[in-house]
Amino acid sequence: MTYKTEQESFWHGKFGDDYVDRNSEANKALVSGNINLFSKIISACDKIGSVMELGSNIGLNLVAIKYLMPELQDISAVEINEKAASILEQRGICKKIYRQSILDLGGGGRAARRAGGG
């Protein structure tokens, strides 16, 4: 796939794969820290009906959120790196995984910029 920005290519390629491996090795420690962080964030919110993480990698933030909010069903993610998206999919916590650049999401993406918006 051809990307229009250096950063998209960077995360889609080898650096993104290596980042997946580093996060996988540190999985338990990272989730534990994320649970602490998100418990504070969630306690400051009135009601959360859905969550979408942009650039979710293997979903460690989403694992923490699901742990804290097991009733939450509307969880989705955007991940450009296929290796990361596959691991995230195996976790089974996302209703939808967008395997694409966040720049290609509707509304403010490339199409809007080409048309003069966003």
C-alpha atoms as a PDB file:
ATOM      1  CA  MET A   1       0.000   0.000   0.000  1.00  0.00           C
ATOM      2  CA  THR A   2       1.202   3.494  -0.771  1.00  0.00           C
ATOM      3  CA  TYR A   3       0.771   6.187   1.844  1.00  0.00           C
ATOM      4  CA  LYS A   4       0.910   9.916   1.414  1.00  0.00           C
ATOM      5  CA  THR A   5       2.804  10.745   4.597  1.00  0.00           C
ATOM      6  CA  GLU A   6       6.105   9.481   5.939  1.00  0.00           C
ATOM      7  CA  GLN A   7       4.498   8.782   9.305  1.00  0.00           C
ATOM      8  CA  GLU A   8       1.884   6.456   7.788  1.00  0.00           C
ATOM      9  CA  SER A   9       4.599   4.414   6.061  1.00  0.00           C
ATOM     10  CA  PHE A  10       6.666   4.425   9.235  1.00  0.00           C
ATOM     11  CA  TRP A  11       3.894   2.947  11.414  1.00  0.00           C
ATOM     12  CA  HIS A  12       2.642   0.571   8.736  1.00  0.00           C
ATOM     13  CA  GLY A  13       6.091  -0.937   8.174  1.00  0.00           C
ATOM     14  CA  LYS A  14       8.991  -2.414  10.139  1.00  0.00           C
ATOM     15  CA  PHE A  15       9.022   0.223  12.886  1.00  0.00           C
ATOM     16  CA  GLY A  16       5.344  -0.524  13.565  1.00  0.00           C
ATOM     17  CA  ASP A  17       6.027  -4.280  13.637  1.00  0.00           C
ATOM     18  CA  ASP A  18       8.941  -3.769  16.041  1.00  0.00           C
ATOM     19  CA  TYR A  19       6.735  -1.575  18.239  1.00  0.00           C
ATOM     20  CA  VAL A  20       4.180  -4.399  18.385  1.00  0.00           C
ATOM     21  CA  ASP A  21       6.898  -6.766  19.597  1.00  0.00           C
ATOM     22  CA  ARG A  22       8.083  -4.339  22.298  1.00  0.00           C
ATOM     23  CA  ASN A  23       4.520  -3.809  23.548  1.00  0.00           C
ATOM     24  CA  SER A  24       3.811  -7.542  23.535  1.00  0.00           C
ATOM     25  CA  GLU A  25       6.823  -8.219  25.765  1.00  0.00           C
ATOM     26  CA  ALA A  26       5.806  -5.550  28.285  1.00  0.00           C
ATOM     27  CA  ASN A  27       2.079  -6.368  28.056  1.00  0.00           C
ATOM     28  CA  LYS A  28       1.234  -7.040  31.727  1.00  0.00           C
ATOM     29  CA  ALA A  29       3.109  -4.069  33.153  1.00  0.00           C
ATOM     30  CA  LEU A  30       1.624  -1.702  30.575  1.00  0.00           C
ATOM     31  CA  VAL A  31      -1.949  -2.899  31.146  1.00  0.00           C
ATOM     32  CA  SER A  32      -1.537  -2.535  34.905  1.00  0.00           C
ATOM     33  CA  GLY A  33      -0.410   1.074  34.512  1.00  0.00           C
ATOM     34  CA  ASN A  34      -3.200   1.732  32.023  1.00  0.00           C
ATOM     35  CA  ILE A  35      -5.820   0.402  34.449  1.00  0.00           C
ATOM     36  CA  ASN A  36      -4.622   2.895  37.037  1.00  0.00           C
ATOM     37  CA  LEU A  37      -4.665   5.760  34.535  1.00  0.00           C
ATOM     38  CA  PHE A  38      -8.046   4.955  32.995  1.00  0.00           C
ATOM     39  CA  SER A  39      -9.726   4.371  36.371  1.00  0.00           C
ATOM     40  CA  LYS A  40      -8.996   8.041  37.112  1.00  0.00           C
ATOM     41  CA  ILE A  41     -10.173   9.190  33.686  1.00  0.00           C
ATOM     42  CA  ILE A  42     -13.365   7.114  33.788  1.00  0.00           C
ATOM     43  CA  SER A  43     -14.236   8.307  37.297  1.00  0.00           C
ATOM     44  CA  ALA A  44     -14.201  11.895  35.988  1.00  0.00           C
ATOM     45  CA  CYS A  45     -16.716  11.102  33.215  1.00  0.00           C
ATOM     46  CA  ASP A  46     -20.495  11.185  33.487  1.00  0.00           C
ATOM     47  CA  LYS A  47     -21.353   8.393  31.066  1.00  0.00           C
ATOM     48  CA  ILE A  48     -19.333   6.558  28.461  1.00  0.00           C
ATOM     49  CA  GLY A  49     -21.339   4.837  25.752  1.00  0.00           C
ATOM     50  CA  SER A  50     -18.580   4.099  23.274  1.00  0.00           C
ATOM     51  CA  VAL A  51     -14.827   4.240  22.860  1.00  0.00           C
ATOM     52  CA  MET A  52     -12.718   4.548  19.721  1.00  0.00           C
ATOM     53  CA  GLU A  53      -8.954   4.520  19.986  1.00  0.00           C
ATOM     54  CA  LEU A  54      -6.962   6.042  17.148  1.00  0.00           C
ATOM     55  CA  GLY A  55      -3.654   4.273  16.666  1.00  0.00           C
ATOM     56  CA  SER A  56      -4.497   1.483  19.087  1.00  0.00           C
ATOM     57  CA  ASN A  57      -1.548  -0.795  18.303  1.00  0.00           C
ATOM     58  CA  ILE A  58      -2.279  -4.102  20.102  1.00  0.00           C
ATOM     59  CA  GLY A  59      -5.017  -2.531  22.220  1.00  0.00           C
ATOM     60  CA  LEU A  60      -3.444  -2.243  25.670  1.00  0.00           C
ATOM     61  CA  ASN A  61      -5.455   0.898  26.449  1.00  0.00           C
ATOM     62  CA  LEU A  62      -8.627  -0.834  25.288  1.00  0.00           C
ATOM     63  CA  VAL A  63      -7.857  -3.911  27.417  1.00  0.00           C
ATOM     64  CA  ALA A  64      -7.618  -1.655  30.471  1.00  0.00           C
ATOM     65  CA  ILE A  65     -10.852   0.155  29.591  1.00  0.00           C
ATOM     66  CA  LYS A  66     -12.708  -3.129  29.026  1.00  0.00           C
ATOM     67  CA  TYR A  67     -11.400  -4.436  32.364  1.00  0.00           C
ATOM     68  CA  LEU A  68     -12.776  -1.354  34.100  1.00  0.00           C
ATOM     69  CA  MET A  69     -16.007  -1.281  32.092  1.00  0.00           C
ATOM     70  CA  PRO A  70     -16.885  -4.890  31.197  1.00  0.00           C
ATOM     71  CA  GLU A  71     -20.413  -3.821  30.202  1.00  0.00           C
ATOM     72  CA  LEU A  72     -19.088  -1.500  27.467  1.00  0.00           C
ATOM     73  CA  GLN A  73     -19.869  -3.108  24.103  1.00  0.00           C
ATOM     74  CA  ASP A  74     -19.206  -0.315  21.603  1.00  0.00           C
ATOM     75  CA  ILE A  75     -15.398  -0.376  21.414  1.00  0.00           C
ATOM     76  CA  SER A  76     -13.621   0.260  18.148  1.00  0.00           C
ATOM     77  CA  ALA A  77     -10.090   0.975  17.011  1.00  0.00           C
ATOM     78  CA  VAL A  78      -8.155   2.394  14.096  1.00  0.00           C
ATOM     79  CA  GLU A  79      -4.806   0.725  13.443  1.00  0.00           C
ATOM     80  CA  ILE A  80      -2.629   1.070  10.349  1.00  0.00           C
ATOM     81  CA  ASN A  81      -0.229  -1.773  11.204  1.00  0.00           C
ATOM     82  CA  GLU A  82      -1.575  -5.165  10.131  1.00  0.00           C
ATOM     83  CA  LYS A  83       0.428  -7.134  12.706  1.00  0.00           C
ATOM     84  CA  ALA A  84      -0.965  -4.973  15.520  1.00  0.00           C
ATOM     85  CA  ALA A  85      -4.519  -5.093  14.126  1.00  0.00           C
ATOM     86  CA  SER A  86      -4.392  -8.897  13.974  1.00  0.00           C
ATOM     87  CA  ILE A  87      -3.351  -9.160  17.627  1.00  0.00           C
ATOM     88  CA  LEU A  88      -6.015  -6.637  18.578  1.00  0.00           C
ATOM     89  CA  GLU A  89      -8.615  -8.670  16.694  1.00  0.00           C
ATOM     90  CA  GLN A  90      -7.574 -11.837  18.550  1.00  0.00           C
ATOM     91  CA  ARG A  91      -8.307 -10.066  21.845  1.00  0.00           C
ATOM     92  CA  GLY A  92     -11.996 -10.005  20.853  1.00  0.00           C
ATOM     93  CA  ILE A  93     -12.860  -6.724  22.572  1.00  0.00           C
ATOM     94  CA  CYS A  94     -13.508  -4.520  19.543  1.00  0.00           C
ATOM     95  CA  LYS A  95     -16.823  -4.283  17.770  1.00  0.00           C
ATOM     96  CA  LYS A  96     -14.957  -2.856  14.763  1.00  0.00           C
ATOM     97  CA  ILE A  97     -11.300  -2.476  13.811  1.00  0.00           C
ATOM     98  CA  TYR A  98     -10.538  -0.044  11.017  1.00  0.00           C
ATOM     99  CA  ARG A  99      -7.352  -1.330   9.385  1.00  0.00           C
ATOM    100  CA  GLN A 100      -6.367   1.952   7.837  1.00  0.00           C
ATOM    101  CA  SER A 101      -4.777   5.316   8.412  1.00  0.00           C
ATOM    102  CA  ILE A 102      -6.636   7.704  10.687  1.00  0.00           C
ATOM    103  CA  LEU A 103      -6.279  10.169   7.822  1.00  0.00           C
ATOM    104  CA  ASP A 104      -8.699   8.031   5.819  1.00  0.00           C
ATOM    105  CA  LEU A 105     -11.543   8.190   8.357  1.00  0.00           C
ATOM    106  CA  GLY A 106     -14.634  10.048   7.174  1.00  0.00           C
ATOM    107  CA  GLY A 107     -15.220  13.729   7.741  1.00  0.00           C
ATOM    108  CA  GLY A 108     -11.786  15.220   8.292  1.00  0.00           C
ATOM    109  CA  GLY A 109      -9.725  12.837   6.187  1.00  0.00           C
ATOM    110  CA  ARG A 110      -7.922  13.308   2.886  1.00  0.00           C
ATOM    111  CA  ALA A 111     -11.125  13.561   0.882  1.00  0.00           C
ATOM    112  CA  ALA A 112     -12.263  16.525   2.973  1.00  0.00           C
ATOM    113  CA  ARG A 113      -8.866  18.230   2.639  1.00  0.00           C
ATOM    114  CA  ARG A 114      -8.856  17.719  -1.127  1.00  0.00           C
ATOM    115  CA  ALA A 115     -12.309  19.295  -1.257  1.00  0.00           C
ATOM    116  CA  GLY A 116     -11.102  22.255   0.799  1.00  0.00           C
ATOM    117  CA  GLY A 117     -12.448  21.135   4.179  1.00  0.00           C
ATOM    118  CA  GLY A 118     -10.776  19.887   7.404  1.00  0.00           C
END
